Amino acid sequence: MFKYSNSKDWFEIIKYKDYLYVIRERLDEIDPRFYTSYTNLYLVVGSHSALLVDTGSGLFPLKPVISDLILDKRLIVINTHSHFDHIGGNNEFDGVLIHKKECKEISKSCDILFLKDSSNEIVKLYERTNYTLPPANNIQSIKDEDTIDLGELSVKIIHTPGHSRGSISLLTNRNELFTGDTAHYGTMYLTKKTFPIVLSSISKLLDLFQESKIEVYPSHEEFAVGKELLVELSNGIKNIDKIWDTKVRDDFLEAWILSDEYFKYAIF
């Protein structure tokens, strides 16, 4: 018998503001080998529409959870990027927005057979789909500077590549910044050749703080953090060469693992 048996058990729903829900799931309960405890999905609710930021792992149905929160409001679904823990529930919804550089990735089934050897038995729930995540329906592309109107709330798309080609962040007109996997505490997944791209994206986000007080809502671990996340991450990436000799090999991830005061880095 699994510890979690349904969506109500699995998803932790936090009403963080009148118009903002944080919907959390435990990635480490699926597979601890990713060195990540939480995945954060976000639901931003305007006067006529709501925006769901990412759809999680697909382990349990997400749509009923969202429907209970938004009632009769129109729902818009967006992916910050196309990695499995952000797109798992895509096929439950009528359509999905994603950056134009990653439309192809979510238009086909996603192979998650690598989870089969997890030490946690709950991954056996993926046997029902033969360890694949179904493709999204009705995919629409978005680009940098596009704006989504939710009614009294608007959300601007910010292209922040590095973690992936089409990674995006989202900024509301009430100064909530959703950074996807571009920046979060915990374990950052990087490649050495993309360091300059990631640093450029972080710099782009830091520029937003020049005239505004902004709250940062990453897709993993802590949320509602401040500018310090971006500063510490930027400094940490710049310092990786200096701590490179401390690296250890992770055969599952096929990556080098190293750590500093604030982050663990998986370098591919």
C-alpha atoms as a PDB file:
ATOM      1  CA  MET A   1       0.000   0.000   0.000  1.00  0.00           C
ATOM      2  CA  PHE A   2       1.442   3.350  -1.035  1.00  0.00           C
ATOM      3  CA  LYS A   3       1.709   6.249   1.390  1.00  0.00           C
ATOM      4  CA  TYR A   4      -0.181   8.345  -1.185  1.00  0.00           C
ATOM      5  CA  SER A   5      -3.282   6.896  -2.795  1.00  0.00           C
ATOM      6  CA  ASN A   6      -4.962   9.835  -4.532  1.00  0.00           C
ATOM      7  CA  SER A   7      -4.540  13.439  -5.645  1.00  0.00           C
ATOM      8  CA  LYS A   8      -5.812  14.802  -2.330  1.00  0.00           C
ATOM      9  CA  ASP A   9      -3.062  12.946  -0.461  1.00  0.00           C
ATOM     10  CA  TRP A  10      -0.377  13.710  -2.997  1.00  0.00           C
ATOM     11  CA  PHE A  11      -0.687  17.443  -3.668  1.00  0.00           C
ATOM     12  CA  GLU A  12      -0.078  19.963  -0.908  1.00  0.00           C
ATOM     13  CA  ILE A  13      -2.214  23.021  -1.633  1.00  0.00           C
ATOM     14  CA  ILE A  14      -1.199  26.323  -0.074  1.00  0.00           C
ATOM     15  CA  LYS A  15      -3.339  29.427  -0.563  1.00  0.00           C
ATOM     16  CA  TYR A  16      -0.469  31.876  -0.303  1.00  0.00           C
ATOM     17  CA  LYS A  17      -2.373  34.990  -1.391  1.00  0.00           C
ATOM     18  CA  ASP A  18      -6.003  35.657  -2.297  1.00  0.00           C
ATOM     19  CA  TYR A  19      -5.077  35.108  -5.951  1.00  0.00           C
ATOM     20  CA  LEU A  20      -2.056  32.784  -5.674  1.00  0.00           C
ATOM     21  CA  TYR A  21      -1.943  29.093  -4.844  1.00  0.00           C
ATOM     22  CA  VAL A  22       1.203  27.009  -4.444  1.00  0.00           C
ATOM     23  CA  ILE A  23       0.629  23.356  -5.314  1.00  0.00           C
ATOM     24  CA  ARG A  24       3.510  21.180  -4.167  1.00  0.00           C
ATOM     25  CA  GLU A  25       4.494  17.593  -4.837  1.00  0.00           C
ATOM     26  CA  ARG A  26       7.367  15.550  -3.463  1.00  0.00           C
ATOM     27  CA  LEU A  27       9.880  14.765  -6.183  1.00  0.00           C
ATOM     28  CA  ASP A  28      12.007  12.889  -3.659  1.00  0.00           C
ATOM     29  CA  GLU A  29       9.064  10.548  -3.002  1.00  0.00           C
ATOM     30  CA  ILE A  30       9.155   9.659  -6.702  1.00  0.00           C
ATOM     31  CA  ASP A  31      12.930   9.342  -6.877  1.00  0.00           C
ATOM     32  CA  PRO A  32      15.449  10.653  -4.331  1.00  0.00           C
ATOM     33  CA  ARG A  33      18.281  10.457  -6.853  1.00  0.00           C
ATOM     34  CA  PHE A  34      17.459  13.937  -8.185  1.00  0.00           C
ATOM     35  CA  TYR A  35      18.563  15.562  -4.884  1.00  0.00           C
ATOM     36  CA  THR A  36      15.325  17.578  -4.910  1.00  0.00           C
ATOM     37  CA  SER A  37      12.543  17.477  -2.321  1.00  0.00           C
ATOM     38  CA  TYR A  38       9.750  19.659  -3.728  1.00  0.00           C
ATOM     39  CA  THR A  39       8.327  20.652  -7.065  1.00  0.00           C
ATOM     40  CA  ASN A  40       6.214  23.811  -6.913  1.00  0.00           C
ATOM     41  CA  LEU A  41       3.337  24.407  -9.306  1.00  0.00           C
ATOM     42  CA  TYR A  42       1.600  27.768  -9.186  1.00  0.00           C
ATOM     43  CA  LEU A  43      -1.962  28.863  -9.865  1.00  0.00           C
ATOM     44  CA  VAL A  44      -2.479  32.585 -10.451  1.00  0.00           C
ATOM     45  CA  VAL A  45      -6.171  33.551 -10.395  1.00  0.00           C
ATOM     46  CA  GLY A  46      -7.462  36.718 -12.077  1.00  0.00           C
ATOM     47  CA  SER A  47     -11.005  38.027 -12.313  1.00  0.00           C
ATOM     48  CA  HIS A  48     -11.895  36.036 -15.441  1.00  0.00           C
ATOM     49  CA  SER A  49      -9.019  33.588 -16.005  1.00  0.00           C
ATOM     50  CA  ALA A  50      -6.454  31.573 -14.096  1.00  0.00           C
ATOM     51  CA  LEU A  51      -2.934  30.576 -15.097  1.00  0.00           C
ATOM     52  CA  LEU A  52      -1.466  27.216 -14.087  1.00  0.00           C
ATOM     53  CA  VAL A  53       2.325  27.299 -14.140  1.00  0.00           C
ATOM     54  CA  ASP A  54       3.529  23.742 -14.919  1.00  0.00           C
ATOM     55  CA  THR A  55       1.658  20.459 -14.488  1.00  0.00           C
ATOM     56  CA  GLY A  56       4.047  18.385 -12.372  1.00  0.00           C
ATOM     57  CA  SER A  57       5.017  14.743 -12.577  1.00  0.00           C
ATOM     58  CA  GLY A  58       1.766  13.208 -13.807  1.00  0.00           C
ATOM     59  CA  LEU A  59       1.748  10.670 -10.979  1.00  0.00           C
ATOM     60  CA  PHE A  60      -1.766  11.643  -9.829  1.00  0.00           C
ATOM     61  CA  PRO A  61      -4.513  13.610 -11.650  1.00  0.00           C
ATOM     62  CA  LEU A  62      -4.026  17.363 -11.339  1.00  0.00           C
ATOM     63  CA  LYS A  63      -7.050  18.705 -13.213  1.00  0.00           C
ATOM     64  CA  PRO A  64      -9.618  17.910 -10.474  1.00  0.00           C
ATOM     65  CA  VAL A  65      -7.468  19.791  -7.971  1.00  0.00           C
ATOM     66  CA  ILE A  66      -7.302  22.853 -10.218  1.00  0.00           C
ATOM     67  CA  SER A  67     -10.993  22.726 -11.120  1.00  0.00           C
ATOM     68  CA  ASP A  68     -11.946  22.866  -7.445  1.00  0.00           C
ATOM     69  CA  LEU A  69      -9.856  26.013  -6.993  1.00  0.00           C
ATOM     70  CA  ILE A  70     -10.905  28.042 -10.039  1.00  0.00           C
ATOM     71  CA  LEU A  71     -14.567  26.939 -10.369  1.00  0.00           C
ATOM     72  CA  ASP A  72     -15.958  28.514 -13.565  1.00  0.00           C
ATOM     73  CA  LYS A  73     -12.961  30.655 -14.506  1.00  0.00           C
ATOM     74  CA  ARG A  74     -11.155  30.044 -17.790  1.00  0.00           C
ATOM     75  CA  LEU A  75      -7.921  28.103 -17.307  1.00  0.00           C
ATOM     76  CA  ILE A  76      -4.668  28.761 -19.174  1.00  0.00           C
ATOM     77  CA  VAL A  77      -1.843  26.242 -18.742  1.00  0.00           C
ATOM     78  CA  ILE A  78       1.801  27.076 -19.334  1.00  0.00           C
ATOM     79  CA  ASN A  79       5.043  25.080 -19.055  1.00  0.00           C
ATOM     80  CA  THR A  80       8.192  26.841 -17.884  1.00  0.00           C
ATOM     81  CA  HIS A  81      10.117  24.198 -19.856  1.00  0.00           C
ATOM     82  CA  SER A  82       9.687  20.641 -21.100  1.00  0.00           C
ATOM     83  CA  HIS A  83      11.350  18.431 -18.447  1.00  0.00           C
ATOM     84  CA  PHE A  84       9.272  15.531 -17.152  1.00  0.00           C
ATOM     85  CA  ASP A  85       8.572  16.920 -13.663  1.00  0.00           C
ATOM     86  CA  HIS A  86       6.983  20.037 -15.192  1.00  0.00           C
ATOM     87  CA  ILE A  87       4.853  18.505 -17.982  1.00  0.00           C
ATOM     88  CA  GLY A  88       3.472  15.285 -16.505  1.00  0.00           C
ATOM     89  CA  GLY A  89      -0.137  16.445 -16.340  1.00  0.00           C
ATOM     90  CA  ASN A  90      -0.210  18.290 -19.663  1.00  0.00           C
ATOM     91  CA  ASN A  91      -2.500  15.816 -21.386  1.00  0.00           C
ATOM     92  CA  GLU A  92      -5.245  16.389 -18.785  1.00  0.00           C
ATOM     93  CA  PHE A  93      -5.845  19.894 -20.109  1.00  0.00           C
ATOM     94  CA  ASP A  94      -7.314  21.248 -23.336  1.00  0.00           C
ATOM     95  CA  GLY A  95      -4.185  23.152 -24.314  1.00  0.00           C
ATOM     96  CA  VAL A  96      -0.714  24.134 -23.164  1.00  0.00           C
ATOM     97  CA  LEU A  97       1.487  27.166 -23.810  1.00  0.00           C
ATOM     98  CA  ILE A  98       5.259  26.754 -24.010  1.00  0.00           C
ATOM     99  CA  HIS A  99       8.155  28.689 -25.493  1.00  0.00           C
ATOM    100  CA  LYS A 100       8.411  28.158 -29.224  1.00  0.00           C
ATOM    101  CA  LYS A 101      11.799  26.424 -28.859  1.00  0.00           C
ATOM    102  CA  GLU A 102      10.276  23.555 -26.885  1.00  0.00           C
ATOM    103  CA  CYS A 103       6.940  22.961 -28.617  1.00  0.00           C
ATOM    104  CA  LYS A 104       8.319  19.829 -30.275  1.00  0.00           C
ATOM    105  CA  GLU A 105       9.328  18.261 -26.961  1.00  0.00           C
ATOM    106  CA  ILE A 106       5.812  18.276 -25.493  1.00  0.00           C
ATOM    107  CA  SER A 107       4.158  17.243 -28.756  1.00  0.00           C
ATOM    108  CA  LYS A 108       5.385  13.663 -28.309  1.00  0.00           C
ATOM    109  CA  SER A 109       5.364  11.122 -25.496  1.00  0.00           C
ATOM    110  CA  CYS A 110       8.038  11.586 -22.826  1.00  0.00           C
ATOM    111  CA  ASP A 111      10.057   8.495 -21.874  1.00  0.00           C
ATOM    112  CA  ILE A 112      10.490   8.233 -18.088  1.00  0.00           C
ATOM    113  CA  LEU A 113      11.820   4.671 -17.970  1.00  0.00           C
ATOM    114  CA  PHE A 114      14.804   6.014 -15.981  1.00  0.00           C
ATOM    115  CA  LEU A 115      12.465   6.204 -12.970  1.00  0.00           C
ATOM    116  CA  LYS A 116      11.829   2.452 -12.985  1.00  0.00           C
ATOM    117  CA  ASP A 117      14.832   1.749 -10.756  1.00  0.00           C
ATOM    118  CA  SER A 118      13.870   4.281  -8.103  1.00  0.00           C
ATOM    119  CA  SER A 119      14.125   2.979  -4.559  1.00  0.00           C
ATOM    120  CA  ASN A 120      10.560   4.198  -3.968  1.00  0.00           C
ATOM    121  CA  GLU A 121       7.759   1.815  -4.909  1.00  0.00           C
ATOM    122  CA  ILE A 122       5.326   4.569  -5.826  1.00  0.00           C
ATOM    123  CA  VAL A 123       6.950   4.865  -9.250  1.00  0.00           C
ATOM    124  CA  LYS A 124       5.156   1.622 -10.129  1.00  0.00           C
ATOM    125  CA  LEU A 125       2.098   3.802 -10.695  1.00  0.00           C
ATOM    126  CA  TYR A 126       3.777   4.800 -13.959  1.00  0.00           C
ATOM    127  CA  GLU A 127       3.390   1.211 -15.174  1.00  0.00           C
ATOM    128  CA  ARG A 128      -0.146   2.134 -16.253  1.00  0.00           C
ATOM    129  CA  THR A 129       1.387   4.265 -19.025  1.00  0.00           C
ATOM    130  CA  ASN A 130       4.449   2.046 -19.583  1.00  0.00           C
ATOM    131  CA  TYR A 131       6.705   4.707 -18.072  1.00  0.00           C
ATOM    132  CA  THR A 132       5.756   7.345 -20.603  1.00  0.00           C
ATOM    133  CA  LEU A 133       3.992  10.673 -20.203  1.00  0.00           C
ATOM    134  CA  PRO A 134       1.405  11.359 -22.927  1.00  0.00           C
ATOM    135  CA  PRO A 135       1.887  14.376 -25.210  1.00  0.00           C
ATOM    136  CA  ALA A 136       0.119  17.664 -24.641  1.00  0.00           C
ATOM    137  CA  ASN A 137      -3.044  18.645 -26.491  1.00  0.00           C
ATOM    138  CA  ASN A 138      -3.344  21.795 -28.613  1.00  0.00           C
ATOM    139  CA  ILE A 139       0.139  23.235 -28.071  1.00  0.00           C
ATOM    140  CA  GLN A 140       0.545  26.977 -28.580  1.00  0.00           C
ATOM    141  CA  SER A 141       3.894  28.730 -28.672  1.00  0.00           C
ATOM    142  CA  ILE A 142       4.785  31.830 -26.700  1.00  0.00           C
ATOM    143  CA  LYS A 143       7.808  34.116 -26.901  1.00  0.00           C
ATOM    144  CA  ASP A 144       9.725  36.692 -24.902  1.00  0.00           C
ATOM    145  CA  GLU A 145       7.659  39.746 -23.878  1.00  0.00           C
ATOM    146  CA  ASP A 146       4.282  38.120 -24.587  1.00  0.00           C
ATOM    147  CA  THR A 147       1.638  39.036 -22.007  1.00  0.00           C
ATOM    148  CA  ILE A 148      -1.227  36.938 -20.650  1.00  0.00           C
ATOM    149  CA  ASP A 149      -4.275  38.828 -19.364  1.00  0.00           C
ATOM    150  CA  LEU A 150      -6.099  37.153 -16.470  1.00  0.00           C
ATOM    151  CA  GLY A 151      -8.343  40.072 -15.559  1.00  0.00           C
ATOM    152  CA  GLU A 152      -6.871  42.641 -13.143  1.00  0.00           C
ATOM    153  CA  LEU A 153      -3.763  40.459 -13.244  1.00  0.00           C
ATOM    154  CA  SER A 154      -1.353  40.159 -16.136  1.00  0.00           C
ATOM    155  CA  VAL A 155       1.677  37.932 -16.596  1.00  0.00           C
ATOM    156  CA  LYS A 156       4.647  38.737 -18.825  1.00  0.00           C
ATOM    157  CA  ILE A 157       6.804  36.044 -20.427  1.00  0.00           C
ATOM    158  CA  ILE A 158      10.565  36.391 -19.954  1.00  0.00           C
ATOM    159  CA  HIS A 159      12.748  34.046 -21.999  1.00  0.00           C
ATOM    160  CA  THR A 160      15.495  32.834 -19.643  1.00  0.00           C
ATOM    161  CA  PRO A 161      17.398  30.080 -21.470  1.00  0.00           C
ATOM    162  CA  GLY A 162      20.180  28.035 -19.930  1.00  0.00           C
ATOM    163  CA  HIS A 163      18.522  25.231 -18.008  1.00  0.00           C
ATOM    164  CA  SER A 164      16.920  24.452 -21.370  1.00  0.00           C
ATOM    165  CA  ARG A 165      16.630  26.274 -24.708  1.00  0.00           C
ATOM    166  CA  GLY A 166      13.096  27.446 -24.100  1.00  0.00           C
ATOM    167  CA  SER A 167      13.107  27.998 -20.352  1.00  0.00           C
ATOM    168  CA  ILE A 168      10.939  30.918 -19.323  1.00  0.00           C
ATOM    169  CA  SER A 169      10.256  32.977 -16.243  1.00  0.00           C
ATOM    170  CA  LEU A 170       6.982  34.811 -15.613  1.00  0.00           C
ATOM    171  CA  LEU A 171       6.443  38.220 -14.012  1.00  0.00           C
ATOM    172  CA  THR A 172       3.040  39.386 -12.789  1.00  0.00           C
ATOM    173  CA  ASN A 173       1.983  43.016 -12.641  1.00  0.00           C
ATOM    174  CA  ARG A 174       1.961  42.567  -8.856  1.00  0.00           C
ATOM    175  CA  ASN A 175       5.669  41.719  -8.843  1.00  0.00           C
ATOM    176  CA  GLU A 176       5.644  37.963  -8.390  1.00  0.00           C
ATOM    177  CA  LEU A 177       8.458  36.388 -10.402  1.00  0.00           C
ATOM    178  CA  PHE A 178       8.150  32.703 -11.278  1.00  0.00           C
ATOM    179  CA  THR A 179      11.623  31.500 -12.258  1.00  0.00           C
ATOM    180  CA  GLY A 180      10.961  27.895 -13.275  1.00  0.00           C
ATOM    181  CA  ASP A 181      14.255  26.013 -13.046  1.00  0.00           C
ATOM    182  CA  THR A 182      16.330  29.043 -14.023  1.00  0.00           C
ATOM    183  CA  ALA A 183      16.942  29.778 -10.344  1.00  0.00           C
ATOM    184  CA  HIS A 184      16.061  27.923  -7.161  1.00  0.00           C
ATOM    185  CA  TYR A 185      17.741  26.821  -3.977  1.00  0.00           C
ATOM    186  CA  GLY A 186      18.753  23.171  -3.741  1.00  0.00           C
ATOM    187  CA  THR A 187      20.231  21.338  -6.709  1.00  0.00           C
ATOM    188  CA  MET A 188      20.854  23.231  -9.941  1.00  0.00           C
ATOM    189  CA  TYR A 189      21.266  21.246 -13.167  1.00  0.00           C
ATOM    190  CA  LEU A 190      23.818  22.851 -15.490  1.00  0.00           C
ATOM    191  CA  THR A 191      26.319  22.197 -18.236  1.00  0.00           C
ATOM    192  CA  LYS A 192      29.619  24.034 -18.328  1.00  0.00           C
ATOM    193  CA  LYS A 193      29.011  25.248 -21.876  1.00  0.00           C
ATOM    194  CA  THR A 194      25.757  26.929 -20.824  1.00  0.00           C
ATOM    195  CA  PHE A 195      27.215  28.809 -17.831  1.00  0.00           C
ATOM    196  CA  PRO A 196      27.356  32.102 -19.791  1.00  0.00           C
ATOM    197  CA  ILE A 197      23.757  31.630 -20.981  1.00  0.00           C
ATOM    198  CA  VAL A 198      22.476  30.931 -17.464  1.00  0.00           C
ATOM    199  CA  LEU A 199      24.402  33.891 -16.058  1.00  0.00           C
ATOM    200  CA  SER A 200      22.944  36.137 -18.746  1.00  0.00           C
ATOM    201  CA  SER A 201      19.416  34.968 -17.869  1.00  0.00           C
ATOM    202  CA  ILE A 202      20.010  35.584 -14.165  1.00  0.00           C
ATOM    203  CA  SER A 203      21.338  39.061 -14.979  1.00  0.00           C
ATOM    204  CA  LYS A 204      18.205  39.716 -17.034  1.00  0.00           C
ATOM    205  CA  LEU A 205      16.062  38.816 -14.024  1.00  0.00           C
ATOM    206  CA  LEU A 206      18.178  40.888 -11.646  1.00  0.00           C
ATOM    207  CA  ASP A 207      17.542  43.932 -13.820  1.00  0.00           C
ATOM    208  CA  LEU A 208      13.848  43.658 -12.914  1.00  0.00           C
ATOM    209  CA  PHE A 209      14.677  44.525  -9.307  1.00  0.00           C
ATOM    210  CA  GLN A 210      16.102  47.968 -10.082  1.00  0.00           C
ATOM    211  CA  GLU A 211      12.838  49.800  -9.447  1.00  0.00           C
ATOM    212  CA  SER A 212      10.588  47.183  -7.834  1.00  0.00           C
ATOM    213  CA  LYS A 213      10.403  44.940  -4.816  1.00  0.00           C
ATOM    214  CA  ILE A 214       9.833  41.492  -6.279  1.00  0.00           C
ATOM    215  CA  GLU A 215       9.078  38.119  -4.690  1.00  0.00           C
ATOM    216  CA  VAL A 216      10.659  35.084  -6.334  1.00  0.00           C
ATOM    217  CA  TYR A 217       8.727  31.841  -6.756  1.00  0.00           C
ATOM    218  CA  PRO A 218      10.986  29.044  -8.056  1.00  0.00           C
ATOM    219  CA  SER A 219       9.742  25.684  -9.326  1.00  0.00           C
ATOM    220  CA  HIS A 220      11.659  23.745  -6.681  1.00  0.00           C
ATOM    221  CA  GLU A 221      12.262  23.936  -2.928  1.00  0.00           C
ATOM    222  CA  GLU A 222      11.769  27.278  -1.134  1.00  0.00           C
ATOM    223  CA  PHE A 223       9.349  29.832  -2.549  1.00  0.00           C
ATOM    224  CA  ALA A 224       8.588  33.511  -1.914  1.00  0.00           C
ATOM    225  CA  VAL A 225      12.283  34.260  -1.599  1.00  0.00           C
ATOM    226  CA  GLY A 226      14.099  37.443  -2.560  1.00  0.00           C
ATOM    227  CA  LYS A 227      16.691  38.896  -4.868  1.00  0.00           C
ATOM    228  CA  GLU A 228      19.401  37.181  -2.819  1.00  0.00           C
ATOM    229  CA  LEU A 229      18.601  33.873  -4.569  1.00  0.00           C
ATOM    230  CA  LEU A 230      19.672  35.320  -7.904  1.00  0.00           C
ATOM    231  CA  VAL A 231      22.737  37.035  -6.470  1.00  0.00           C
ATOM    232  CA  GLU A 232      23.907  33.927  -4.611  1.00  0.00           C
ATOM    233  CA  LEU A 233      23.297  31.696  -7.627  1.00  0.00           C
ATOM    234  CA  SER A 234      25.172  34.013  -9.962  1.00  0.00           C
ATOM    235  CA  ASN A 235      28.122  34.169  -7.568  1.00  0.00           C
ATOM    236  CA  GLY A 236      27.992  30.409  -7.056  1.00  0.00           C
ATOM    237  CA  ILE A 237      28.129  29.579 -10.763  1.00  0.00           C
ATOM    238  CA  LYS A 238      31.044  31.975 -11.241  1.00  0.00           C
ATOM    239  CA  ASN A 239      32.850  30.174  -8.409  1.00  0.00           C
ATOM    240  CA  ILE A 240      32.365  26.611  -9.687  1.00  0.00           C
ATOM    241  CA  ASP A 241      35.814  26.438 -11.311  1.00  0.00           C
ATOM    242  CA  LYS A 242      37.377  27.228  -7.936  1.00  0.00           C
ATOM    243  CA  ILE A 243      35.656  24.284  -6.228  1.00  0.00           C
ATOM    244  CA  TRP A 244      35.822  21.910  -9.207  1.00  0.00           C
ATOM    245  CA  ASP A 245      38.327  19.615  -7.460  1.00  0.00           C
ATOM    246  CA  THR A 246      35.667  18.758  -4.847  1.00  0.00           C
ATOM    247  CA  LYS A 247      33.406  17.089  -7.421  1.00  0.00           C
ATOM    248  CA  VAL A 248      32.144  13.513  -7.143  1.00  0.00           C
ATOM    249  CA  ARG A 249      30.610  11.413  -9.891  1.00  0.00           C
ATOM    250  CA  ASP A 250      26.923  10.485  -9.883  1.00  0.00           C
ATOM    251  CA  ASP A 251      26.372   7.488 -12.151  1.00  0.00           C
ATOM    252  CA  PHE A 252      22.565   7.775 -12.227  1.00  0.00           C
ATOM    253  CA  LEU A 253      22.603  11.384 -13.373  1.00  0.00           C
ATOM    254  CA  GLU A 254      25.810  10.895 -15.352  1.00  0.00           C
ATOM    255  CA  ALA A 255      26.940  14.177 -13.865  1.00  0.00           C
ATOM    256  CA  TRP A 256      29.503  15.687 -11.533  1.00  0.00           C
ATOM    257  CA  ILE A 257      28.120  16.776  -8.164  1.00  0.00           C
ATOM    258  CA  LEU A 258      29.598  19.582  -6.087  1.00  0.00           C
ATOM    259  CA  SER A 259      28.266  21.947  -3.432  1.00  0.00           C
ATOM    260  CA  ASP A 260      28.737  25.340  -1.850  1.00  0.00           C
ATOM    261  CA  GLU A 261      27.016  27.110   1.035  1.00  0.00           C
ATOM    262  CA  TYR A 262      23.722  27.611  -0.818  1.00  0.00           C
ATOM    263  CA  PHE A 263      23.496  25.130  -3.685  1.00  0.00           C
ATOM    264  CA  LYS A 264      24.310  21.690  -4.939  1.00  0.00           C
ATOM    265  CA  TYR A 265      25.303  21.597  -8.610  1.00  0.00           C
ATOM    266  CA  ALA A 266      24.821  18.712 -11.022  1.00  0.00           C
ATOM    267  CA  ILE A 267      27.157  19.442 -13.908  1.00  0.00           C
ATOM    268  CA  PHE A 268      26.633  17.458 -17.113  1.00  0.00           C
END
